[in-house]
Amino acid sequence: MNEDQFKGKWKQIKGDFKKKYGKITDDEYAEAEGNMDKLAGKMQERYGKSKEEVKKEIDNW
């Protein structure tokens, strides 16, 4: 996968995520971009889900 393909895929994931979790902001995305553990932590913090629930949702994308 080249860099353009990766960026396109990331934008798709980001868009899907925004549809599902509208409370997460672009700033939080920028902070978490490229680091799924940090993104999962933000989801846990914001939505009060367990680490396992969040990881499962991310894996299903």
PDB file of N, CA and C in Angstrom:
ATOM      1  N   MET A   1       0.854  -1.169   0.000  1.00  0.00           N
ATOM      2  CA  MET A   1       0.000   0.000   0.000  1.00  0.00           C
ATOM      3  C   MET A   1       0.900   1.233   0.000  1.00  0.00           C
ATOM      4  N   ASN A   2       0.662   2.139  -0.943  1.00  0.00           N
ATOM      5  CA  ASN A   2       1.480   3.342  -0.975  1.00  0.00           C
ATOM      6  C   ASN A   2       0.869   4.430  -0.073  1.00  0.00           C
ATOM      7  N   GLU A   3       1.559   5.531   0.042  1.00  0.00           N
ATOM      8  CA  GLU A   3       1.137   6.594   0.957  1.00  0.00           C
ATOM      9  C   GLU A   3      -0.231   7.164   0.595  1.00  0.00           C
ATOM     10  N   ASP A   4      -0.506   7.347  -0.691  1.00  0.00           N
ATOM     11  CA  ASP A   4      -1.801   7.881  -1.116  1.00  0.00           C
ATOM     12  C   ASP A   4      -2.937   6.925  -0.776  1.00  0.00           C
ATOM     13  N   GLN A   5      -2.700   5.639  -0.956  1.00  0.00           N
ATOM     14  CA  GLN A   5      -3.712   4.650  -0.608  1.00  0.00           C
ATOM     15  C   GLN A   5      -3.973   4.663   0.900  1.00  0.00           C
ATOM     16  N   PHE A   6      -2.902   4.757   1.665  1.00  0.00           N
ATOM     17  CA  PHE A   6      -3.044   4.806   3.119  1.00  0.00           C
ATOM     18  C   PHE A   6      -3.843   6.030   3.549  1.00  0.00           C
ATOM     19  N   LYS A   7      -3.519   7.179   2.987  1.00  0.00           N
ATOM     20  CA  LYS A   7      -4.231   8.408   3.341  1.00  0.00           C
ATOM     21  C   LYS A   7      -5.708   8.306   2.969  1.00  0.00           C
ATOM     22  N   GLY A   8      -5.998   7.722   1.807  1.00  0.00           N
ATOM     23  CA  GLY A   8      -7.386   7.546   1.389  1.00  0.00           C
ATOM     24  C   GLY A   8      -8.139   6.626   2.331  1.00  0.00           C
ATOM     25  N   LYS A   9      -7.503   5.540   2.716  1.00  0.00           N
ATOM     26  CA  LYS A   9      -8.129   4.592   3.647  1.00  0.00           C
ATOM     27  C   LYS A   9      -8.359   5.261   4.993  1.00  0.00           C
ATOM     28  N   TRP A  10      -7.388   6.024   5.466  1.00  0.00           N
ATOM     29  CA  TRP A  10      -7.540   6.711   6.752  1.00  0.00           C
ATOM     30  C   TRP A  10      -8.721   7.674   6.700  1.00  0.00           C
ATOM     31  N   LYS A  11      -8.889   8.394   5.602  1.00  0.00           N
ATOM     32  CA  LYS A  11     -10.011   9.323   5.474  1.00  0.00           C
ATOM     33  C   LYS A  11     -11.345   8.576   5.503  1.00  0.00           C
ATOM     34  N   GLN A  12     -11.390   7.409   4.911  1.00  0.00           N
ATOM     35  CA  GLN A  12     -12.612   6.609   4.944  1.00  0.00           C
ATOM     36  C   GLN A  12     -12.927   6.167   6.370  1.00  0.00           C
ATOM     37  N   ILE A  13     -11.921   5.684   7.064  1.00  0.00           N
ATOM     38  CA  ILE A  13     -12.108   5.252   8.452  1.00  0.00           C
ATOM     39  C   ILE A  13     -12.546   6.434   9.309  1.00  0.00           C
ATOM     40  N   LYS A  14     -11.879   7.557   9.126  1.00  0.00           N
ATOM     41  CA  LYS A  14     -12.193   8.759   9.886  1.00  0.00           C
ATOM     42  C   LYS A  14     -13.640   9.193   9.633  1.00  0.00           C
ATOM     43  N   GLY A  15     -14.076   9.157   8.382  1.00  0.00           N
ATOM     44  CA  GLY A  15     -15.447   9.538   8.050  1.00  0.00           C
ATOM     45  C   GLY A  15     -16.464   8.605   8.678  1.00  0.00           C
ATOM     46  N   ASP A  16     -16.220   7.300   8.598  1.00  0.00           N
ATOM     47  CA  ASP A  16     -17.115   6.329   9.218  1.00  0.00           C
ATOM     48  C   ASP A  16     -17.168   6.527  10.726  1.00  0.00           C
ATOM     49  N   PHE A  17     -16.017   6.773  11.300  1.00  0.00           N
ATOM     50  CA  PHE A  17     -15.938   6.977  12.740  1.00  0.00           C
ATOM     51  C   PHE A  17     -16.715   8.224  13.151  1.00  0.00           C
ATOM     52  N   LYS A  18     -16.583   9.293  12.395  1.00  0.00           N
ATOM     53  CA  LYS A  18     -17.289  10.535  12.703  1.00  0.00           C
ATOM     54  C   LYS A  18     -18.802  10.339  12.636  1.00  0.00           C
ATOM     55  N   LYS A  19     -19.262   9.532  11.689  1.00  0.00           N
ATOM     56  CA  LYS A  19     -20.691   9.257  11.593  1.00  0.00           C
ATOM     57  C   LYS A  19     -21.196   8.572  12.854  1.00  0.00           C
ATOM     58  N   LYS A  20     -20.400   7.643  13.362  1.00  0.00           N
ATOM     59  CA  LYS A  20     -20.815   6.856  14.515  1.00  0.00           C
ATOM     60  C   LYS A  20     -20.591   7.593  15.836  1.00  0.00           C
ATOM     61  N   TYR A  21     -19.507   8.325  15.936  1.00  0.00           N
ATOM     62  CA  TYR A  21     -19.137   9.002  17.179  1.00  0.00           C
ATOM     63  C   TYR A  21     -18.911  10.476  16.905  1.00  0.00           C
ATOM     64  N   GLY A  22     -19.982  11.211  16.742  1.00  0.00           N
ATOM     65  CA  GLY A  22     -19.904  12.619  16.384  1.00  0.00           C
ATOM     66  C   GLY A  22     -19.264  13.513  17.422  1.00  0.00           C
ATOM     67  N   LYS A  23     -19.151  13.057  18.643  1.00  0.00           N
ATOM     68  CA  LYS A  23     -18.586  13.900  19.705  1.00  0.00           C
ATOM     69  C   LYS A  23     -17.070  14.045  19.618  1.00  0.00           C
ATOM     70  N   ILE A  24     -16.410  13.108  18.945  1.00  0.00           N
ATOM     71  CA  ILE A  24     -14.959  13.193  18.786  1.00  0.00           C
ATOM     72  C   ILE A  24     -14.655  14.318  17.798  1.00  0.00           C
ATOM     73  N   THR A  25     -13.728  15.179  18.136  1.00  0.00           N
ATOM     74  CA  THR A  25     -13.430  16.351  17.316  1.00  0.00           C
ATOM     75  C   THR A  25     -12.251  16.103  16.384  1.00  0.00           C
ATOM     76  N   ASP A  26     -12.096  16.996  15.408  1.00  0.00           N
ATOM     77  CA  ASP A  26     -10.946  16.905  14.505  1.00  0.00           C
ATOM     78  C   ASP A  26      -9.633  17.028  15.266  1.00  0.00           C
ATOM     79  N   ASP A  27      -9.615  17.858  16.311  1.00  0.00           N
ATOM     80  CA  ASP A  27      -8.395  18.005  17.100  1.00  0.00           C
ATOM     81  C   ASP A  27      -8.013  16.677  17.757  1.00  0.00           C
ATOM     82  N   GLU A  28      -9.012  15.964  18.268  1.00  0.00           N
ATOM     83  CA  GLU A  28      -8.732  14.671  18.895  1.00  0.00           C
ATOM     84  C   GLU A  28      -8.280  13.663  17.837  1.00  0.00           C
ATOM     85  N   TYR A  29      -8.826  13.760  16.638  1.00  0.00           N
ATOM     86  CA  TYR A  29      -8.368  12.908  15.557  1.00  0.00           C
ATOM     87  C   TYR A  29      -6.915  13.187  15.222  1.00  0.00           C
ATOM     88  N   ALA A  30      -6.583  14.458  15.094  1.00  0.00           N
ATOM     89  CA  ALA A  30      -5.203  14.814  14.761  1.00  0.00           C
ATOM     90  C   ALA A  30      -4.254  14.290  15.827  1.00  0.00           C
ATOM     91  N   GLU A  31      -4.679  14.390  17.071  1.00  0.00           N
ATOM     92  CA  GLU A  31      -3.862  13.919  18.182  1.00  0.00           C
ATOM     93  C   GLU A  31      -3.699  12.399  18.138  1.00  0.00           C
ATOM     94  N   ALA A  32      -4.742  11.702  17.744  1.00  0.00           N
ATOM     95  CA  ALA A  32      -4.733  10.244  17.779  1.00  0.00           C
ATOM     96  C   ALA A  32      -4.318   9.606  16.458  1.00  0.00           C
ATOM     97  N   GLU A  33      -4.232  10.383  15.399  1.00  0.00           N
ATOM     98  CA  GLU A  33      -3.952   9.839  14.080  1.00  0.00           C
ATOM     99  C   GLU A  33      -2.677   8.992  14.091  1.00  0.00           C
ATOM    100  N   GLY A  34      -2.809   7.817  13.517  1.00  0.00           N
ATOM    101  CA  GLY A  34      -1.654   6.919  13.435  1.00  0.00           C
ATOM    102  C   GLY A  34      -1.390   6.148  14.704  1.00  0.00           C
ATOM    103  N   ASN A  35      -2.201   6.345  15.718  1.00  0.00           N
ATOM    104  CA  ASN A  35      -1.986   5.651  16.975  1.00  0.00           C
ATOM    105  C   ASN A  35      -3.327   5.118  17.466  1.00  0.00           C
ATOM    106  N   MET A  36      -3.674   3.900  17.087  1.00  0.00           N
ATOM    107  CA  MET A  36      -4.976   3.341  17.416  1.00  0.00           C
ATOM    108  C   MET A  36      -5.178   3.173  18.920  1.00  0.00           C
ATOM    109  N   ASP A  37      -4.125   2.921  19.665  1.00  0.00           N
ATOM    110  CA  ASP A  37      -4.271   2.797  21.106  1.00  0.00           C
ATOM    111  C   ASP A  37      -4.754   4.103  21.713  1.00  0.00           C
ATOM    112  N   LYS A  38      -4.212   5.190  21.234  1.00  0.00           N
ATOM    113  CA  LYS A  38      -4.621   6.495  21.746  1.00  0.00           C
ATOM    114  C   LYS A  38      -6.060   6.794  21.326  1.00  0.00           C
ATOM    115  N   LEU A  39      -6.415   6.450  20.092  1.00  0.00           N
ATOM    116  CA  LEU A  39      -7.777   6.632  19.611  1.00  0.00           C
ATOM    117  C   LEU A  39      -8.736   5.804  20.464  1.00  0.00           C
ATOM    118  N   ALA A  40      -8.364   4.566  20.750  1.00  0.00           N
ATOM    119  CA  ALA A  40      -9.200   3.709  21.597  1.00  0.00           C
ATOM    120  C   ALA A  40      -9.352   4.325  22.989  1.00  0.00           C
ATOM    121  N   GLY A  41      -8.287   4.897  23.509  1.00  0.00           N
ATOM    122  CA  GLY A  41      -8.353   5.566  24.812  1.00  0.00           C
ATOM    123  C   GLY A  41      -9.305   6.742  24.798  1.00  0.00           C
ATOM    124  N   LYS A  42      -9.275   7.512  23.713  1.00  0.00           N
ATOM    125  CA  LYS A  42     -10.190   8.650  23.579  1.00  0.00           C
ATOM    126  C   LYS A  42     -11.643   8.161  23.546  1.00  0.00           C
ATOM    127  N   MET A  43     -11.872   7.040  22.838  1.00  0.00           N
ATOM    128  CA  MET A  43     -13.220   6.482  22.768  1.00  0.00           C
ATOM    129  C   MET A  43     -13.678   6.016  24.149  1.00  0.00           C
ATOM    130  N   GLN A  44     -12.784   5.349  24.867  1.00  0.00           N
ATOM    131  CA  GLN A  44     -13.113   4.881  26.206  1.00  0.00           C
ATOM    132  C   GLN A  44     -13.466   6.059  27.110  1.00  0.00           C
ATOM    133  N   GLU A  45     -12.644   7.073  27.060  1.00  0.00           N
ATOM    134  CA  GLU A  45     -12.842   8.267  27.893  1.00  0.00           C
ATOM    135  C   GLU A  45     -14.165   8.946  27.563  1.00  0.00           C
ATOM    136  N   ARG A  46     -14.441   9.109  26.292  1.00  0.00           N
ATOM    137  CA  ARG A  46     -15.610   9.855  25.848  1.00  0.00           C
ATOM    138  C   ARG A  46     -16.902   9.083  26.045  1.00  0.00           C
ATOM    139  N   TYR A  47     -16.870   7.760  25.779  1.00  0.00           N
ATOM    140  CA  TYR A  47     -18.104   6.972  25.764  1.00  0.00           C
ATOM    141  C   TYR A  47     -18.223   5.972  26.906  1.00  0.00           C
ATOM    142  N   GLY A  48     -17.201   5.857  27.731  1.00  0.00           N
ATOM    143  CA  GLY A  48     -17.271   4.990  28.901  1.00  0.00           C
ATOM    144  C   GLY A  48     -17.335   3.507  28.575  1.00  0.00           C
ATOM    145  N   LYS A  49     -16.768   3.117  27.448  1.00  0.00           N
ATOM    146  CA  LYS A  49     -16.759   1.706  27.065  1.00  0.00           C
ATOM    147  C   LYS A  49     -15.483   1.044  27.562  1.00  0.00           C
ATOM    148  N   SER A  50     -15.552  -0.293  27.657  1.00  0.00           N
ATOM    149  CA  SER A  50     -14.369  -1.024  28.091  1.00  0.00           C
ATOM    150  C   SER A  50     -13.347  -1.078  26.959  1.00  0.00           C
ATOM    151  N   LYS A  51     -12.107  -1.361  27.322  1.00  0.00           N
ATOM    152  CA  LYS A  51     -11.032  -1.462  26.341  1.00  0.00           C
ATOM    153  C   LYS A  51     -11.347  -2.547  25.313  1.00  0.00           C
ATOM    154  N   GLU A  52     -11.926  -3.665  25.784  1.00  0.00           N
ATOM    155  CA  GLU A  52     -12.262  -4.771  24.896  1.00  0.00           C
ATOM    156  C   GLU A  52     -13.352  -4.373  23.903  1.00  0.00           C
ATOM    157  N   GLU A  53     -14.373  -3.633  24.378  1.00  0.00           N
ATOM    158  CA  GLU A  53     -15.447  -3.180  23.487  1.00  0.00           C
ATOM    159  C   GLU A  53     -14.904  -2.261  22.394  1.00  0.00           C
ATOM    160  N   VAL A  54     -14.065  -1.331  22.808  1.00  0.00           N
ATOM    161  CA  VAL A  54     -13.503  -0.369  21.867  1.00  0.00           C
ATOM    162  C   VAL A  54     -12.615  -1.076  20.857  1.00  0.00           C
ATOM    163  N   LYS A  55     -11.759  -1.963  21.336  1.00  0.00           N
ATOM    164  CA  LYS A  55     -10.854  -2.688  20.435  1.00  0.00           C
ATOM    165  C   LYS A  55     -11.649  -3.508  19.424  1.00  0.00           C
ATOM    166  N   LYS A  56     -12.734  -4.135  19.876  1.00  0.00           N
ATOM    167  CA  LYS A  56     -13.564  -4.931  18.990  1.00  0.00           C
ATOM    168  C   LYS A  56     -14.189  -4.045  17.897  1.00  0.00           C
ATOM    169  N   GLU A  57     -14.672  -2.862  18.276  1.00  0.00           N
ATOM    170  CA  GLU A  57     -15.263  -1.948  17.307  1.00  0.00           C
ATOM    171  C   GLU A  57     -14.230  -1.490  16.287  1.00  0.00           C
ATOM    172  N   ILE A  58     -13.045  -1.150  16.745  1.00  0.00           N
ATOM    173  CA  ILE A  58     -11.984  -0.703  15.841  1.00  0.00           C
ATOM    174  C   ILE A  58     -11.599  -1.839  14.897  1.00  0.00           C
ATOM    175  N   ASP A  59     -11.473  -3.052  15.425  1.00  0.00           N
ATOM    176  CA  ASP A  59     -11.118  -4.198  14.585  1.00  0.00           C
ATOM    177  C   ASP A  59     -12.182  -4.491  13.534  1.00  0.00           C
ATOM    178  N   ASN A  60     -13.438  -4.226  13.867  1.00  0.00           N
ATOM    179  CA  ASN A  60     -14.533  -4.482  12.923  1.00  0.00           C
ATOM    180  C   ASN A  60     -14.552  -3.476  11.779  1.00  0.00           C
ATOM    181  N   TRP A  61     -13.883  -2.353  11.888  1.00  0.00           N
ATOM    182  CA  TRP A  61     -13.818  -1.400  10.794  1.00  0.00           C
ATOM    183  C   TRP A  61     -12.918  -1.943   9.751  1.00  0.00           C
TER     184      TRP A  61
END
